[in-house]
Amino acid sequence: MNEPAAPRREPGDGLARRPGAGVPSSEQDLVAQVSALIESARESIASYANSTLTMTYWQIGSIIDSEVLGAGRAEYGAQILVTLSQELTGRFGRGFDEPNLNRMVKFSRLFPDREILVTLSQKLSWSHFLALLPLRSDDARAFYAEAAVAGRWTVRELRRTISRKAYERRELADSQLGSGSLVPADTFSDPYLLDFLGLHDGYLEADLEAAILRDLEAFLLEVGTGFTFVERQKRMVIDGKDFHLDLLLYHRPLKRLVAVELKIGEFDARYEGQMKLYLKWLNRHERHEGEEAPVGLI
């Protein structure tokens, strides 16, 4: 009696299949589906590799700090560190030379909370952390780290933001207005930004506005990520009087309008009252469902 023929085994039969996954309707669908899987896998691998690398450097720094440099062994420990760096460089390359080992030690000291670091290391690379090490305060490091995660900044974007002293500007704004929604800052008086816009001493507010609009795309990149242009000289009728807001932007990640008033000179408390008036009007007449309350930038 003949045995029934064994079912033919097709290539890929041994691979796990996602429950409910249908056959792609076309060759393009197949390419898109497989490409999405590959891209997702690459992102996961890159994130895991970055996190593992960062946490390894943190552990190395912690071990050296506690077992080599700690407990009054600074001079003796420094000699051991030289020998250790030579051994590690011979085995694993220049990434473990003495300057880099010192950076790892500093890294472990400045980021002592392992749990917080594990979370950050999944979003920020070792190069991001290197950009944070020279900062003078824990608050500044936390500010830039959180902003880099939220904005998905590249290392270049992070360094540029640090060089423009965004944290110091934030502190200045807080000291002037407390915890309100207004954000007065001298962002537009930064010589770097004025040079980028082609402006020099003696410019007027109208000149500044015209320069911004002339190079709008570049300006939005300078202000930050996630901004889109809405309107220039936004007209508002308040108590029967006409008012005009210099620039109206929208921040997509934050889902809120950003009112921008351009002023020349030092901050004046009257600007705050004017901006509050504008924000109240925008909140009532321009805020859409699902959006957060508008904020102001002077």
C-alpha atoms as a PDB file:
ATOM      1  CA  MET A   1       0.000   0.000   0.000  1.00  0.00           C
ATOM      2  CA  ASN A   2       1.412   3.326  -1.033  1.00  0.00           C
ATOM      3  CA  GLU A   3       2.143   5.858   1.714  1.00  0.00           C
ATOM      4  CA  PRO A   4       0.507   9.258   1.237  1.00  0.00           C
ATOM      5  CA  ALA A   5       2.944  11.781  -0.177  1.00  0.00           C
ATOM      6  CA  ALA A   6       4.454  14.106   2.395  1.00  0.00           C
ATOM      7  CA  PRO A   7       3.321  17.698   2.017  1.00  0.00           C
ATOM      8  CA  ARG A   8       5.791  19.775   0.073  1.00  0.00           C
ATOM      9  CA  ARG A   9       7.837  22.079   2.306  1.00  0.00           C
ATOM     10  CA  GLU A  10       8.066  25.588   0.944  1.00  0.00           C
ATOM     11  CA  PRO A  11      10.955  27.944   1.699  1.00  0.00           C
ATOM     12  CA  GLY A  12      10.200  29.972   4.798  1.00  0.00           C
ATOM     13  CA  ASP A  13       7.703  27.465   6.264  1.00  0.00           C
ATOM     14  CA  GLY A  14       9.838  27.288   9.408  1.00  0.00           C
ATOM     15  CA  LEU A  15       9.617  31.027  10.042  1.00  0.00           C
ATOM     16  CA  ALA A  16       7.223  32.333  12.639  1.00  0.00           C
ATOM     17  CA  ARG A  17       4.198  34.035  11.149  1.00  0.00           C
ATOM     18  CA  ARG A  18       2.317  36.887  12.726  1.00  0.00           C
ATOM     19  CA  PRO A  19      -1.224  35.766  13.570  1.00  0.00           C
ATOM     20  CA  GLY A  20      -3.701  37.229  11.164  1.00  0.00           C
ATOM     21  CA  ALA A  21      -1.058  38.501   8.756  1.00  0.00           C
ATOM     22  CA  GLY A  22      -2.395  38.340   5.239  1.00  0.00           C
ATOM     23  CA  VAL A  23      -0.549  37.924   1.990  1.00  0.00           C
ATOM     24  CA  PRO A  24       0.446  41.312   0.553  1.00  0.00           C
ATOM     25  CA  SER A  25      -1.859  42.330  -2.281  1.00  0.00           C
ATOM     26  CA  SER A  26       0.983  43.365  -4.549  1.00  0.00           C
ATOM     27  CA  GLU A  27       4.723  43.293  -4.932  1.00  0.00           C
ATOM     28  CA  GLN A  28       4.908  46.893  -3.701  1.00  0.00           C
ATOM     29  CA  ASP A  29       2.999  45.957  -0.546  1.00  0.00           C
ATOM     30  CA  LEU A  30       5.466  43.138   0.050  1.00  0.00           C
ATOM     31  CA  VAL A  31       8.432  45.480  -0.324  1.00  0.00           C
ATOM     32  CA  ALA A  32       6.835  48.020   2.022  1.00  0.00           C
ATOM     33  CA  GLN A  33       5.992  45.384   4.624  1.00  0.00           C
ATOM     34  CA  VAL A  34       9.462  43.835   4.654  1.00  0.00           C
ATOM     35  CA  SER A  35      11.165  47.246   4.542  1.00  0.00           C
ATOM     36  CA  ALA A  36       9.193  48.367   7.586  1.00  0.00           C
ATOM     37  CA  LEU A  37      10.317  45.265   9.485  1.00  0.00           C
ATOM     38  CA  ILE A  38      13.958  45.863   8.573  1.00  0.00           C
ATOM     39  CA  GLU A  39      13.840  49.556   9.501  1.00  0.00           C
ATOM     40  CA  SER A  40      12.163  48.782  12.815  1.00  0.00           C
ATOM     41  CA  ALA A  41      14.768  46.126  13.574  1.00  0.00           C
ATOM     42  CA  ARG A  42      17.605  48.490  12.706  1.00  0.00           C
ATOM     43  CA  GLU A  43      16.211  51.154  15.029  1.00  0.00           C
ATOM     44  CA  SER A  44      15.859  48.633  17.848  1.00  0.00           C
ATOM     45  CA  ILE A  45      19.380  47.300  17.327  1.00  0.00           C
ATOM     46  CA  ALA A  46      20.857  50.815  17.187  1.00  0.00           C
ATOM     47  CA  SER A  47      18.996  51.854  20.333  1.00  0.00           C
ATOM     48  CA  TYR A  48      20.093  48.728  22.190  1.00  0.00           C
ATOM     49  CA  ALA A  49      23.698  49.095  21.021  1.00  0.00           C
ATOM     50  CA  ASN A  50      23.837  52.762  22.054  1.00  0.00           C
ATOM     51  CA  SER A  51      22.318  52.015  25.435  1.00  0.00           C
ATOM     52  CA  THR A  52      24.668  49.087  26.059  1.00  0.00           C
ATOM     53  CA  LEU A  53      27.719  51.132  25.046  1.00  0.00           C
ATOM     54  CA  THR A  54      26.734  54.060  27.266  1.00  0.00           C
ATOM     55  CA  MET A  55      25.977  51.899  30.297  1.00  0.00           C
ATOM     56  CA  THR A  56      29.246  49.995  29.814  1.00  0.00           C
ATOM     57  CA  TYR A  57      31.196  53.255  29.866  1.00  0.00           C
ATOM     58  CA  TRP A  58      29.278  54.309  32.981  1.00  0.00           C
ATOM     59  CA  GLN A  59      30.138  51.036  34.729  1.00  0.00           C
ATOM     60  CA  ILE A  60      33.802  51.339  33.743  1.00  0.00           C
ATOM     61  CA  GLY A  61      33.885  54.867  35.121  1.00  0.00           C
ATOM     62  CA  SER A  62      32.199  53.777  38.353  1.00  0.00           C
ATOM     63  CA  ILE A  63      34.663  50.916  38.893  1.00  0.00           C
ATOM     64  CA  ILE A  64      37.696  53.111  38.246  1.00  0.00           C
ATOM     65  CA  ASP A  65      36.334  55.857  40.484  1.00  0.00           C
ATOM     66  CA  SER A  66      35.555  53.592  43.428  1.00  0.00           C
ATOM     67  CA  GLU A  67      38.378  51.059  43.207  1.00  0.00           C
ATOM     68  CA  VAL A  68      41.247  53.081  41.735  1.00  0.00           C
ATOM     69  CA  LEU A  69      40.766  56.792  42.399  1.00  0.00           C
ATOM     70  CA  GLY A  70      38.637  56.795  45.533  1.00  0.00           C
ATOM     71  CA  ALA A  71      39.465  56.857  49.254  1.00  0.00           C
ATOM     72  CA  GLY A  72      42.439  59.214  49.028  1.00  0.00           C
ATOM     73  CA  ARG A  73      44.250  57.205  46.350  1.00  0.00           C
ATOM     74  CA  ALA A  74      44.285  59.998  43.762  1.00  0.00           C
ATOM     75  CA  GLU A  75      48.048  60.076  43.092  1.00  0.00           C
ATOM     76  CA  TYR A  76      48.509  56.307  43.221  1.00  0.00           C
ATOM     77  CA  GLY A  77      45.285  55.803  41.281  1.00  0.00           C
ATOM     78  CA  ALA A  78      46.440  58.130  38.516  1.00  0.00           C
ATOM     79  CA  GLN A  79      49.481  55.914  37.959  1.00  0.00           C
ATOM     80  CA  ILE A  80      47.288  52.815  37.836  1.00  0.00           C
ATOM     81  CA  LEU A  81      44.975  54.581  35.383  1.00  0.00           C
ATOM     82  CA  VAL A  82      47.872  55.115  32.976  1.00  0.00           C
ATOM     83  CA  THR A  83      48.769  51.419  33.104  1.00  0.00           C
ATOM     84  CA  LEU A  84      45.125  50.388  32.756  1.00  0.00           C
ATOM     85  CA  SER A  85      44.632  52.630  29.732  1.00  0.00           C
ATOM     86  CA  GLN A  86      47.711  51.160  28.046  1.00  0.00           C
ATOM     87  CA  GLU A  87      46.471  47.609  28.604  1.00  0.00           C
ATOM     88  CA  LEU A  88      42.938  48.387  27.392  1.00  0.00           C
ATOM     89  CA  THR A  89      44.150  50.363  24.389  1.00  0.00           C
ATOM     90  CA  GLY A  90      46.326  47.441  23.353  1.00  0.00           C
ATOM     91  CA  ARG A  91      43.364  45.076  23.564  1.00  0.00           C
ATOM     92  CA  PHE A  92      40.399  47.199  22.460  1.00  0.00           C
ATOM     93  CA  GLY A  93      41.736  50.274  20.665  1.00  0.00           C
ATOM     94  CA  ARG A  94      42.053  54.009  21.299  1.00  0.00           C
ATOM     95  CA  GLY A  95      38.548  54.319  22.679  1.00  0.00           C
ATOM     96  CA  PHE A  96      39.990  53.301  26.044  1.00  0.00           C
ATOM     97  CA  ASP A  97      42.971  55.628  26.238  1.00  0.00           C
ATOM     98  CA  GLU A  98      43.575  57.704  29.362  1.00  0.00           C
ATOM     99  CA  PRO A  99      41.537  60.798  28.318  1.00  0.00           C
ATOM    100  CA  ASN A 100      38.529  58.616  27.493  1.00  0.00           C
ATOM    101  CA  LEU A 101      38.796  56.701  30.759  1.00  0.00           C
ATOM    102  CA  ASN A 102      38.816  60.029  32.589  1.00  0.00           C
ATOM    103  CA  ARG A 103      35.673  61.023  30.692  1.00  0.00           C
ATOM    104  CA  MET A 104      34.011  57.793  31.814  1.00  0.00           C
ATOM    105  CA  VAL A 105      34.898  58.556  35.425  1.00  0.00           C
ATOM    106  CA  LYS A 106      33.489  62.062  35.107  1.00  0.00           C
ATOM    107  CA  PHE A 107      30.396  60.626  33.416  1.00  0.00           C
ATOM    108  CA  SER A 108      29.748  58.243  36.318  1.00  0.00           C
ATOM    109  CA  ARG A 109      30.133  61.090  38.817  1.00  0.00           C
ATOM    110  CA  LEU A 110      27.858  63.521  36.985  1.00  0.00           C
ATOM    111  CA  PHE A 111      25.157  60.915  36.299  1.00  0.00           C
ATOM    112  CA  PRO A 112      25.110  58.894  39.550  1.00  0.00           C
ATOM    113  CA  ASP A 113      21.500  57.674  39.248  1.00  0.00           C
ATOM    114  CA  ARG A 114      21.623  54.440  37.270  1.00  0.00           C
ATOM    115  CA  GLU A 115      17.859  54.167  36.744  1.00  0.00           C
ATOM    116  CA  ILE A 116      17.592  57.641  35.235  1.00  0.00           C
ATOM    117  CA  LEU A 117      20.626  56.976  33.071  1.00  0.00           C
ATOM    118  CA  VAL A 118      19.211  53.700  31.744  1.00  0.00           C
ATOM    119  CA  THR A 119      16.156  55.601  30.485  1.00  0.00           C
ATOM    120  CA  LEU A 120      18.220  58.404  28.944  1.00  0.00           C
ATOM    121  CA  SER A 121      20.674  56.002  27.321  1.00  0.00           C
ATOM    122  CA  GLN A 122      17.844  54.505  25.274  1.00  0.00           C
ATOM    123  CA  LYS A 123      17.317  57.883  23.606  1.00  0.00           C
ATOM    124  CA  LEU A 124      20.720  59.588  23.716  1.00  0.00           C
ATOM    125  CA  SER A 125      24.032  58.346  22.349  1.00  0.00           C
ATOM    126  CA  TRP A 126      27.400  58.436  24.085  1.00  0.00           C
ATOM    127  CA  SER A 127      28.270  61.459  21.935  1.00  0.00           C
ATOM    128  CA  HIS A 128      25.229  63.273  23.349  1.00  0.00           C
ATOM    129  CA  PHE A 129      26.476  62.632  26.874  1.00  0.00           C
ATOM    130  CA  LEU A 130      29.966  63.847  25.971  1.00  0.00           C
ATOM    131  CA  ALA A 131      28.390  67.150  24.921  1.00  0.00           C
ATOM    132  CA  LEU A 132      26.718  67.396  28.347  1.00  0.00           C
ATOM    133  CA  LEU A 133      29.821  66.701  30.462  1.00  0.00           C
ATOM    134  CA  PRO A 134      31.362  70.222  30.327  1.00  0.00           C
ATOM    135  CA  LEU A 135      28.174  71.858  31.696  1.00  0.00           C
ATOM    136  CA  ARG A 136      28.599  73.360  35.142  1.00  0.00           C
ATOM    137  CA  SER A 137      25.358  72.358  36.865  1.00  0.00           C
ATOM    138  CA  ASP A 138      23.168  69.292  37.254  1.00  0.00           C
ATOM    139  CA  ASP A 139      20.110  71.388  36.378  1.00  0.00           C
ATOM    140  CA  ALA A 140      21.652  72.468  33.086  1.00  0.00           C
ATOM    141  CA  ARG A 141      22.548  68.886  32.181  1.00  0.00           C
ATOM    142  CA  ALA A 142      19.026  67.719  33.022  1.00  0.00           C
ATOM    143  CA  PHE A 143      17.510  70.569  30.995  1.00  0.00           C
ATOM    144  CA  TYR A 144      19.503  69.832  27.850  1.00  0.00           C
ATOM    145  CA  ALA A 145      19.166  66.049  28.197  1.00  0.00           C
ATOM    146  CA  GLU A 146      15.381  66.238  28.494  1.00  0.00           C
ATOM    147  CA  ALA A 147      15.156  68.727  25.632  1.00  0.00           C
ATOM    148  CA  ALA A 148      17.352  66.534  23.422  1.00  0.00           C
ATOM    149  CA  VAL A 149      15.144  63.526  24.110  1.00  0.00           C
ATOM    150  CA  ALA A 150      11.911  65.448  23.520  1.00  0.00           C
ATOM    151  CA  GLY A 151      13.195  67.068  20.337  1.00  0.00           C
ATOM    152  CA  ARG A 152      15.071  63.996  19.109  1.00  0.00           C
ATOM    153  CA  TRP A 153      18.087  66.238  18.576  1.00  0.00           C
ATOM    154  CA  THR A 154      21.193  65.150  16.786  1.00  0.00           C
ATOM    155  CA  VAL A 155      24.494  65.719  18.582  1.00  0.00           C
ATOM    156  CA  ARG A 156      25.060  68.746  16.363  1.00  0.00           C
ATOM    157  CA  GLU A 157      21.704  70.247  17.340  1.00  0.00           C
ATOM    158  CA  LEU A 158      22.437  69.657  21.016  1.00  0.00           C
ATOM    159  CA  ARG A 159      25.842  71.321  20.808  1.00  0.00           C
ATOM    160  CA  ARG A 160      24.397  74.270  18.927  1.00  0.00           C
ATOM    161  CA  THR A 161      21.668  74.754  21.529  1.00  0.00           C
ATOM    162  CA  ILE A 162      24.211  74.588  24.351  1.00  0.00           C
ATOM    163  CA  SER A 163      26.457  77.099  22.582  1.00  0.00           C
ATOM    164  CA  ARG A 164      23.514  79.498  22.316  1.00  0.00           C
ATOM    165  CA  LYS A 165      22.966  79.198  26.088  1.00  0.00           C
ATOM    166  CA  ALA A 166      19.327  78.110  25.954  1.00  0.00           C
ATOM    167  CA  TYR A 167      19.373  77.091  29.617  1.00  0.00           C
ATOM    168  CA  GLU A 168      20.760  80.433  30.761  1.00  0.00           C
ATOM    169  CA  ARG A 169      18.112  82.230  28.712  1.00  0.00           C
ATOM    170  CA  ARG A 170      15.445  80.078  30.318  1.00  0.00           C
ATOM    171  CA  GLU A 171      16.751  81.006  33.774  1.00  0.00           C
ATOM    172  CA  LEU A 172      16.663  84.690  32.863  1.00  0.00           C
ATOM    173  CA  ALA A 173      13.087  84.409  31.639  1.00  0.00           C
ATOM    174  CA  ASP A 174      12.000  82.584  34.795  1.00  0.00           C
ATOM    175  CA  SER A 175      13.590  85.233  37.001  1.00  0.00           C
ATOM    176  CA  GLN A 176      11.706  87.967  35.148  1.00  0.00           C
ATOM    177  CA  LEU A 177       8.259  86.407  34.972  1.00  0.00           C
ATOM    178  CA  GLY A 178       8.175  83.467  37.353  1.00  0.00           C
ATOM    179  CA  SER A 179       6.304  80.353  36.275  1.00  0.00           C
ATOM    180  CA  GLY A 180       3.835  82.025  33.881  1.00  0.00           C
ATOM    181  CA  SER A 181       3.258  81.012  30.278  1.00  0.00           C
ATOM    182  CA  LEU A 182       5.239  83.922  28.836  1.00  0.00           C
ATOM    183  CA  VAL A 183       8.750  83.295  27.624  1.00  0.00           C
ATOM    184  CA  PRO A 184      10.616  86.601  27.247  1.00  0.00           C
ATOM    185  CA  ALA A 185      14.180  86.037  26.210  1.00  0.00           C
ATOM    186  CA  ASP A 186      16.937  87.768  24.274  1.00  0.00           C
ATOM    187  CA  THR A 187      16.910  85.026  21.655  1.00  0.00           C
ATOM    188  CA  PHE A 188      16.558  87.544  18.843  1.00  0.00           C
ATOM    189  CA  SER A 189      19.310  89.771  20.237  1.00  0.00           C
ATOM    190  CA  ASP A 190      21.878  87.001  20.032  1.00  0.00           C
ATOM    191  CA  PRO A 191      24.769  88.304  17.859  1.00  0.00           C
ATOM    192  CA  TYR A 192      25.014  84.845  16.275  1.00  0.00           C
ATOM    193  CA  LEU A 193      21.390  84.980  15.143  1.00  0.00           C
ATOM    194  CA  LEU A 194      21.661  88.581  13.963  1.00  0.00           C
ATOM    195  CA  ASP A 195      24.723  87.714  11.918  1.00  0.00           C
ATOM    196  CA  PHE A 196      22.877  84.737  10.467  1.00  0.00           C
ATOM    197  CA  LEU A 197      20.038  87.083   9.433  1.00  0.00           C
ATOM    198  CA  GLY A 198      22.471  89.604   7.934  1.00  0.00           C
ATOM    199  CA  LEU A 199      21.661  92.338  10.482  1.00  0.00           C
ATOM    200  CA  HIS A 200      24.018  94.613  12.362  1.00  0.00           C
ATOM    201  CA  ASP A 201      23.860  97.379  14.969  1.00  0.00           C
ATOM    202  CA  GLY A 202      21.135  99.980  14.458  1.00  0.00           C
ATOM    203  CA  TYR A 203      18.511  97.674  12.946  1.00  0.00           C
ATOM    204  CA  LEU A 204      14.792  98.311  13.509  1.00  0.00           C
ATOM    205  CA  GLU A 205      12.029  95.897  14.492  1.00  0.00           C
ATOM    206  CA  ALA A 206      10.693  96.094  10.934  1.00  0.00           C
ATOM    207  CA  ASP A 207      14.141  95.176   9.590  1.00  0.00           C
ATOM    208  CA  LEU A 208      14.289  92.212  11.925  1.00  0.00           C
ATOM    209  CA  GLU A 209      10.851  91.003  10.870  1.00  0.00           C
ATOM    210  CA  ALA A 210      11.695  91.378   7.187  1.00  0.00           C
ATOM    211  CA  ALA A 211      14.960  89.486   7.633  1.00  0.00           C
ATOM    212  CA  ILE A 212      13.214  86.670   9.457  1.00  0.00           C
ATOM    213  CA  LEU A 213      10.594  86.328   6.737  1.00  0.00           C
ATOM    214  CA  ARG A 214      13.238  86.485   4.008  1.00  0.00           C
ATOM    215  CA  ASP A 215      14.990  83.456   5.482  1.00  0.00           C
ATOM    216  CA  LEU A 216      11.994  81.925   7.210  1.00  0.00           C
ATOM    217  CA  GLU A 217      12.975  78.284   6.839  1.00  0.00           C
ATOM    218  CA  ALA A 218      16.450  78.871   8.248  1.00  0.00           C
ATOM    219  CA  PHE A 219      15.015  81.044  11.027  1.00  0.00           C
ATOM    220  CA  LEU A 220      12.632  78.314  12.175  1.00  0.00           C
ATOM    221  CA  LEU A 221      15.536  75.881  12.349  1.00  0.00           C
ATOM    222  CA  GLU A 222      17.432  78.385  14.490  1.00  0.00           C
ATOM    223  CA  VAL A 223      14.509  78.896  16.885  1.00  0.00           C
ATOM    224  CA  GLY A 224      14.116  75.161  17.410  1.00  0.00           C
ATOM    225  CA  THR A 225      12.611  72.003  16.012  1.00  0.00           C
ATOM    226  CA  GLY A 226       8.906  71.499  15.356  1.00  0.00           C
ATOM    227  CA  PHE A 227       7.927  75.085  14.431  1.00  0.00           C
ATOM    228  CA  THR A 228       5.777  76.013  11.431  1.00  0.00           C
ATOM    229  CA  PHE A 229       4.864  79.485  10.162  1.00  0.00           C
ATOM    230  CA  VAL A 230       1.217  80.550  10.476  1.00  0.00           C
ATOM    231  CA  GLU A 231       0.874  84.282   9.854  1.00  0.00           C
ATOM    232  CA  ARG A 232       2.672  87.635   9.798  1.00  0.00           C
ATOM    233  CA  GLN A 233       1.144  90.751  11.415  1.00  0.00           C
ATOM    234  CA  LYS A 234      -1.793  88.772  12.783  1.00  0.00           C
ATOM    235  CA  ARG A 235      -4.713  91.206  13.159  1.00  0.00           C
ATOM    236  CA  MET A 236      -6.683  91.096  16.401  1.00  0.00           C
ATOM    237  CA  VAL A 237      -9.610  93.327  17.346  1.00  0.00           C
ATOM    238  CA  ILE A 238      -9.653  93.811  21.117  1.00  0.00           C
ATOM    239  CA  ASP A 239     -12.184  96.166  22.711  1.00  0.00           C
ATOM    240  CA  GLY A 240     -12.773  97.761  19.342  1.00  0.00           C
ATOM    241  CA  LYS A 241      -9.097  98.473  18.717  1.00  0.00           C
ATOM    242  CA  ASP A 242      -6.812  96.912  16.129  1.00  0.00           C
ATOM    243  CA  PHE A 243      -3.671  95.113  17.303  1.00  0.00           C
ATOM    244  CA  HIS A 244      -1.099  93.303  15.173  1.00  0.00           C
ATOM    245  CA  LEU A 245       1.069  90.423  16.377  1.00  0.00           C
ATOM    246  CA  ASP A 246       4.441  90.347  14.619  1.00  0.00           C
ATOM    247  CA  LEU A 247       4.615  86.600  13.975  1.00  0.00           C
ATOM    248  CA  LEU A 248       2.357  83.667  14.723  1.00  0.00           C
ATOM    249  CA  LEU A 249       3.979  80.224  14.732  1.00  0.00           C
ATOM    250  CA  TYR A 250       2.731  76.751  15.583  1.00  0.00           C
ATOM    251  CA  HIS A 251       4.704  74.106  17.462  1.00  0.00           C
ATOM    252  CA  ARG A 252       3.630  70.706  16.195  1.00  0.00           C
ATOM    253  CA  PRO A 253       5.012  68.448  18.982  1.00  0.00           C
ATOM    254  CA  LEU A 254       3.542  70.701  21.694  1.00  0.00           C
ATOM    255  CA  LYS A 255       0.315  71.284  19.721  1.00  0.00           C
ATOM    256  CA  ARG A 256       0.077  74.964  20.541  1.00  0.00           C
ATOM    257  CA  LEU A 257       0.322  78.380  18.915  1.00  0.00           C
ATOM    258  CA  VAL A 258       3.403  80.475  19.649  1.00  0.00           C
ATOM    259  CA  ALA A 259       2.963  84.250  19.556  1.00  0.00           C
ATOM    260  CA  VAL A 260       6.169  86.134  18.719  1.00  0.00           C
ATOM    261  CA  GLU A 261       6.643  89.847  19.413  1.00  0.00           C
ATOM    262  CA  LEU A 262       9.857  91.450  18.171  1.00  0.00           C
ATOM    263  CA  LYS A 263      11.290  94.144  20.439  1.00  0.00           C
ATOM    264  CA  ILE A 264      14.478  96.181  20.342  1.00  0.00           C
ATOM    265  CA  GLY A 265      16.425  96.835  23.537  1.00  0.00           C
ATOM    266  CA  GLU A 266      16.062  95.516  27.060  1.00  0.00           C
ATOM    267  CA  PHE A 267      12.971  93.749  28.331  1.00  0.00           C
ATOM    268  CA  ASP A 268      10.181  96.094  29.467  1.00  0.00           C
ATOM    269  CA  ALA A 269       7.452  94.924  31.863  1.00  0.00           C
ATOM    270  CA  ARG A 270       4.842  96.530  29.592  1.00  0.00           C
ATOM    271  CA  TYR A 271       5.649  93.920  26.958  1.00  0.00           C
ATOM    272  CA  GLU A 272       4.313  91.283  29.339  1.00  0.00           C
ATOM    273  CA  GLY A 273       0.895  92.917  29.604  1.00  0.00           C
ATOM    274  CA  GLN A 274       0.695  93.302  25.841  1.00  0.00           C
ATOM    275  CA  MET A 275       1.574  89.656  25.289  1.00  0.00           C
ATOM    276  CA  LYS A 276      -0.960  88.468  27.868  1.00  0.00           C
ATOM    277  CA  LEU A 277      -3.616  90.408  25.976  1.00  0.00           C
ATOM    278  CA  TYR A 278      -2.628  88.713  22.716  1.00  0.00           C
ATOM    279  CA  LEU A 279      -2.545  85.248  24.282  1.00  0.00           C
ATOM    280  CA  LYS A 280      -6.003  85.698  25.778  1.00  0.00           C
ATOM    281  CA  TRP A 281      -7.372  86.641  22.356  1.00  0.00           C
ATOM    282  CA  LEU A 282      -5.609  83.777  20.593  1.00  0.00           C
ATOM    283  CA  ASN A 283      -6.825  81.300  23.199  1.00  0.00           C
ATOM    284  CA  ARG A 284     -10.397  82.414  22.617  1.00  0.00           C
ATOM    285  CA  HIS A 285     -10.449  82.854  18.839  1.00  0.00           C
ATOM    286  CA  GLU A 286      -7.647  80.746  17.317  1.00  0.00           C
ATOM    287  CA  ARG A 287      -7.138  77.758  19.606  1.00  0.00           C
ATOM    288  CA  HIS A 288      -8.533  74.568  18.077  1.00  0.00           C
ATOM    289  CA  GLU A 289      -9.928  71.540  19.848  1.00  0.00           C
ATOM    290  CA  GLY A 290      -7.155  69.280  21.158  1.00  0.00           C
ATOM    291  CA  GLU A 291      -4.563  72.068  21.244  1.00  0.00           C
ATOM    292  CA  GLU A 292      -2.796  73.417  24.312  1.00  0.00           C
ATOM    293  CA  ALA A 293      -3.048  77.064  25.350  1.00  0.00           C
ATOM    294  CA  PRO A 294      -0.944  79.475  23.262  1.00  0.00           C
ATOM    295  CA  VAL A 295       2.387  80.697  24.638  1.00  0.00           C
ATOM    296  CA  GLY A 296       4.295  83.894  23.989  1.00  0.00           C
ATOM    297  CA  LEU A 297       7.866  84.662  23.011  1.00  0.00           C
ATOM    298  CA  ILE A 298       9.113  88.239  23.345  1.00  0.00           C
END
